[in-house]
N, C-alpha and C. Protein backbone atom coordinates (compact mmCIF):
# COMPACT_ATOMS: atom_id res chain seq x y z
N MET A 1 7.83 -15.57 -5.17
CA MET A 1 8.84 -15.02 -6.24
C MET A 1 9.92 -16.06 -6.64
N TYR A 2 10.24 -15.87 -7.87
CA TYR A 2 11.25 -16.87 -8.76
C TYR A 2 12.51 -16.43 -8.43
N LYS A 3 13.31 -16.89 -8.58
CA LYS A 3 14.65 -16.00 -8.13
C LYS A 3 15.51 -16.66 -9.07
N CYS A 4 16.71 -16.14 -9.38
CA CYS A 4 17.80 -16.09 -10.25
C CYS A 4 18.94 -16.88 -9.22
N ASN A 5 19.69 -18.11 -9.54
CA ASN A 5 20.79 -18.69 -8.80
C ASN A 5 21.86 -18.21 -8.92
N ALA A 6 22.02 -17.34 -9.80
CA ALA A 6 23.39 -16.60 -9.99
C ALA A 6 23.92 -15.31 -9.48
N CYS A 7 22.35 -14.77 -9.06
CA CYS A 7 22.58 -13.22 -8.39
C CYS A 7 21.19 -12.91 -7.67
N LEU A 8 21.01 -11.72 -7.40
CA LEU A 8 19.80 -11.41 -6.60
C LEU A 8 18.41 -10.98 -7.16
N MET A 9 18.56 -11.12 -8.83
CA MET A 9 17.48 -11.01 -9.52
C MET A 9 16.31 -11.96 -9.08
N GLN A 10 14.86 -11.51 -9.06
CA GLN A 10 13.88 -11.83 -8.64
C GLN A 10 12.67 -11.50 -9.44
N SER A 11 11.80 -12.43 -9.86
CA SER A 11 10.64 -12.11 -10.39
C SER A 11 9.10 -12.89 -10.17
N THR A 12 8.01 -12.55 -10.28
CA THR A 12 7.06 -13.21 -9.90
C THR A 12 6.47 -14.24 -11.00
N TYR A 13 7.33 -14.10 -12.34
CA TYR A 13 7.10 -14.91 -13.43
C TYR A 13 8.43 -15.81 -13.42
N LYS A 14 8.27 -17.10 -13.79
CA LYS A 14 9.09 -17.99 -14.27
C LYS A 14 10.05 -17.68 -15.40
N ASN A 15 9.29 -17.30 -16.29
CA ASN A 15 9.74 -16.83 -17.82
C ASN A 15 10.88 -15.93 -17.61
N ASN A 16 10.61 -14.70 -16.90
CA ASN A 16 11.30 -13.79 -17.15
C ASN A 16 12.67 -14.24 -15.98
N VAL A 17 12.71 -15.28 -15.51
CA VAL A 17 14.20 -15.53 -14.75
C VAL A 17 14.49 -16.32 -15.68
N ILE A 18 13.85 -16.95 -16.81
CA ILE A 18 14.43 -17.81 -17.69
C ILE A 18 15.25 -17.22 -18.58
N ARG A 19 14.60 -16.16 -18.96
CA ARG A 19 15.32 -15.15 -19.94
C ARG A 19 16.51 -14.22 -19.37
N HIS A 20 16.18 -14.02 -18.18
CA HIS A 20 17.46 -13.36 -17.59
C HIS A 20 18.56 -14.25 -17.38
N LEU A 21 18.33 -15.22 -17.06
CA LEU A 21 19.59 -16.42 -17.20
C LEU A 21 20.09 -16.67 -18.36
N LYS A 22 19.34 -16.69 -19.27
CA LYS A 22 19.88 -16.56 -20.63
C LYS A 22 20.54 -15.52 -20.98
N ARG A 23 20.17 -13.97 -20.73
CA ARG A 23 20.80 -13.26 -21.46
C ARG A 23 21.78 -12.38 -20.58
N VAL A 24 21.61 -12.67 -19.32
CA VAL A 24 22.49 -12.00 -18.13
C VAL A 24 23.90 -13.01 -18.19
N HIS A 25 23.44 -14.33 -17.87
CA HIS A 25 24.44 -15.46 -17.06
C HIS A 25 24.98 -16.37 -18.20
N GLY A 26 24.42 -16.03 -19.58
CA GLY A 26 24.71 -17.41 -20.67
C GLY A 26 24.15 -18.79 -20.37
N ILE A 27 23.23 -18.80 -19.03
CA ILE A 27 22.83 -20.18 -18.99
C ILE A 27 21.76 -20.42 -19.70
N GLU A 28 21.57 -21.69 -20.26
CA GLU A 28 20.28 -22.33 -20.98
C GLU A 28 19.54 -23.12 -20.65
N GLU A 29 19.51 -23.60 -19.60
CA GLU A 29 18.81 -24.44 -18.54
C GLU A 29 18.42 -24.10 -17.44
N TYR A 30 17.03 -23.68 -16.93
CA TYR A 30 16.85 -23.21 -15.29
C TYR A 30 16.44 -24.47 -15.00
N LYS A 31 17.44 -24.30 -13.64
CA LYS A 31 17.12 -25.55 -12.57
C LYS A 31 16.54 -25.16 -11.83
N GLU A 32 15.14 -25.38 -11.31
CA GLU A 32 14.25 -25.08 -10.19
C GLU A 32 14.30 -25.91 -9.02
N SER A 33 15.06 -25.53 -8.07
CA SER A 33 15.05 -25.93 -6.85
C SER A 33 13.98 -25.41 -5.72
N ALA A 34 14.18 -26.06 -4.30
CA ALA A 34 13.55 -25.52 -3.48
C ALA A 34 13.78 -23.79 -3.11
N SER A 35 14.70 -23.37 -3.48
CA SER A 35 15.06 -22.25 -3.13
C SER A 35 14.83 -21.04 -4.35
N SER A 36 14.65 -21.63 -5.52
CA SER A 36 14.22 -20.82 -6.42
C SER A 36 12.99 -20.23 -6.58
N TYR A 37 12.09 -20.92 -5.66
CA TYR A 37 10.60 -19.91 -5.66
C TYR A 37 10.57 -19.62 -4.03
N GLU A 38 10.15 -18.65 -3.78
CA GLU A 38 10.01 -17.80 -2.72
C GLU A 38 8.68 -16.78 -2.07
N GLN A 39 7.65 -17.45 -1.15
CA GLN A 39 7.03 -16.40 -1.21
C GLN A 39 7.48 -15.19 -0.61
N LYS A 40 6.76 -14.02 -0.91
CA LYS A 40 6.94 -12.91 0.07
C LYS A 40 6.40 -13.23 1.08
N SER A 41 7.04 -12.65 2.53
CA SER A 41 6.14 -12.55 3.42
C SER A 41 7.12 -11.41 4.53
N GLU A 42 6.07 -11.04 5.31
CA GLU A 42 6.41 -9.94 6.30
C GLU A 42 7.86 -10.13 7.02
N THR A 43 7.93 -11.28 7.36
CA THR A 43 9.19 -11.48 7.93
C THR A 43 10.55 -11.54 7.06
N SER A 44 10.28 -11.43 5.67
CA SER A 44 11.59 -11.31 4.86
C SER A 44 12.74 -10.40 5.06
N LEU A 45 13.77 -10.65 4.77
CA LEU A 45 14.94 -9.77 5.46
C LEU A 45 14.77 -8.78 4.17
N PRO A 46 14.81 -7.36 4.35
CA PRO A 46 15.29 -6.53 3.17
C PRO A 46 16.77 -6.57 2.85
N LYS A 47 16.83 -6.55 1.32
CA LYS A 47 17.87 -6.12 0.98
C LYS A 47 18.85 -5.04 1.18
N GLU A 48 20.10 -5.18 1.19
CA GLU A 48 21.11 -4.00 1.59
C GLU A 48 20.41 -3.01 0.73
N LYS A 49 20.43 -1.71 1.25
CA LYS A 49 20.00 -0.56 0.88
C LYS A 49 21.19 -0.24 -0.37
N SER A 50 22.45 -0.38 -0.06
CA SER A 50 23.49 -0.16 -1.29
C SER A 50 23.00 -0.76 -2.52
N SER A 51 22.47 -1.85 -2.46
CA SER A 51 22.78 -2.70 -3.57
C SER A 51 20.95 -2.26 -4.25
N LEU A 52 20.32 -1.58 -3.94
CA LEU A 52 18.96 -1.02 -4.47
C LEU A 52 19.02 0.09 -5.16
N ILE A 53 18.56 -0.43 -6.56
CA ILE A 53 18.12 0.90 -7.33
C ILE A 53 16.80 1.03 -7.38
N PHE A 54 16.47 2.44 -7.90
CA PHE A 54 15.16 2.69 -7.83
C PHE A 54 14.99 3.67 -9.48
N CYS A 55 13.81 3.55 -9.76
CA CYS A 55 13.30 4.34 -10.93
C CYS A 55 12.92 5.79 -10.07
N LYS A 56 13.29 7.12 -10.36
CA LYS A 56 13.23 8.05 -9.94
C LYS A 56 11.49 8.57 -10.39
N SER A 57 11.12 7.90 -11.25
CA SER A 57 9.86 8.23 -11.84
C SER A 57 8.80 7.85 -11.04
N CYS A 58 8.86 6.45 -11.06
CA CYS A 58 7.72 5.43 -10.72
C CYS A 58 8.07 4.67 -9.20
N ASN A 59 9.57 4.90 -8.82
CA ASN A 59 9.98 4.14 -7.82
C ASN A 59 10.16 2.77 -7.86
N LEU A 60 10.01 2.13 -8.85
CA LEU A 60 10.19 0.76 -9.24
C LEU A 60 11.45 0.16 -9.06
N GLU A 61 11.88 -1.07 -8.15
CA GLU A 61 13.15 -1.52 -7.80
C GLU A 61 13.63 -1.94 -9.23
N ILE A 62 15.21 -1.58 -9.52
CA ILE A 62 15.64 -2.21 -10.77
C ILE A 62 16.81 -3.06 -10.40
N ALA A 63 17.03 -4.22 -10.91
CA ALA A 63 18.15 -5.49 -10.85
C ALA A 63 19.32 -4.71 -10.87
N THR A 64 19.54 -4.04 -12.05
CA THR A 64 20.89 -3.74 -12.33
C THR A 64 21.13 -2.46 -12.80
N GLU A 65 22.25 -1.62 -13.28
CA GLU A 65 21.87 -0.53 -13.86
C GLU A 65 21.75 -0.68 -15.23
N LYS A 66 22.37 -1.94 -15.59
CA LYS A 66 22.32 -2.33 -17.16
C LYS A 66 20.55 -1.82 -17.79
N PHE A 67 19.80 -2.46 -16.77
CA PHE A 67 18.51 -2.68 -16.83
C PHE A 67 17.79 -1.45 -16.87
N SER A 68 18.43 -0.21 -16.15
CA SER A 68 17.93 0.68 -15.92
C SER A 68 17.40 1.77 -17.12
N SER A 69 18.20 1.44 -18.54
CA SER A 69 18.11 2.20 -19.64
C SER A 69 16.68 1.40 -20.52
N HIS A 70 16.94 0.54 -20.31
CA HIS A 70 16.03 -0.69 -20.49
C HIS A 70 14.30 -0.03 -20.28
N HIS A 71 14.40 -0.15 -18.94
CA HIS A 71 12.97 0.25 -18.25
C HIS A 71 12.78 1.67 -18.31
N ARG A 72 13.53 2.50 -18.31
CA ARG A 72 13.01 4.12 -18.82
C ARG A 72 12.26 4.10 -20.46
N SER A 73 13.21 3.58 -21.33
CA SER A 73 12.75 3.23 -22.60
C SER A 73 11.22 2.63 -22.87
N LEU A 74 11.06 1.88 -21.92
CA LEU A 74 9.76 1.02 -22.10
C LEU A 74 8.69 1.79 -21.11
N SER A 75 9.08 2.02 -19.85
CA SER A 75 7.70 2.76 -19.40
C SER A 75 8.02 4.15 -19.04
N HIS A 76 8.92 5.02 -19.51
CA HIS A 76 8.69 6.39 -19.48
C HIS A 76 8.92 6.83 -20.97
N LYS A 77 8.33 6.30 -22.08
CA LYS A 77 8.74 6.90 -23.36
C LYS A 77 8.73 8.63 -23.49
N GLN A 78 7.37 9.20 -22.65
CA GLN A 78 7.19 10.68 -22.87
C GLN A 78 8.40 11.51 -21.98
N ASN A 79 9.28 10.61 -21.13
CA ASN A 79 10.22 11.49 -20.59
C ASN A 79 11.22 10.34 -20.27
N SER A 80 11.58 10.35 -21.11
CA SER A 80 13.56 9.51 -21.25
C SER A 80 14.13 9.98 -20.67
N SER A 81 14.42 11.05 -20.18
CA SER A 81 15.50 11.55 -19.31
C SER A 81 15.37 11.30 -17.85
N VAL A 82 14.35 10.30 -17.51
CA VAL A 82 14.27 10.18 -16.02
C VAL A 82 15.38 9.45 -15.70
N GLU A 83 16.10 9.80 -14.66
CA GLU A 83 17.45 9.16 -13.98
C GLU A 83 16.95 8.07 -13.06
N ILE A 84 17.78 6.83 -13.07
CA ILE A 84 17.67 6.08 -11.99
C ILE A 84 18.30 6.22 -10.82
N GLU A 85 18.04 6.14 -9.78
CA GLU A 85 18.88 6.42 -8.38
C GLU A 85 19.11 5.23 -7.81
N PRO A 86 20.64 5.00 -7.64
CA PRO A 86 20.60 3.93 -6.63
C PRO A 86 20.64 4.23 -4.94
N GLY A 87 20.28 3.09 -4.55
CA GLY A 87 20.07 2.90 -3.11
C GLY A 87 19.19 3.81 -2.27
N VAL A 88 17.97 4.30 -2.67
CA VAL A 88 17.39 4.95 -2.27
C VAL A 88 16.66 4.76 -0.95
C-alpha cells in the first residue's frame, strides 16, 4: 500500500496518493520513503474504529467525510441517497 505522509490515506496505486497529496494537502511533489509503501499483512494493526468511515451500501472504507459524496456519486448513481456511516 502506498501511504500519504501527511495523513492516514493509503492506496494500492501510487498515482492515487500523488493526486491526493496535490488536492488535499497542496503538496506538488511526492517524496517516496521506506514508510511510503507497506505491504498489507495479517499482523498489521487495525486503525482506530472512531476514525473509520464506511459506505452503508458497499461497506467500502473511505478516508474522509469529504470523499464520501464523491464516492456515492461515482459508485452508487442509481441510489445517490446512500449514507456513509462513521466508525462501523
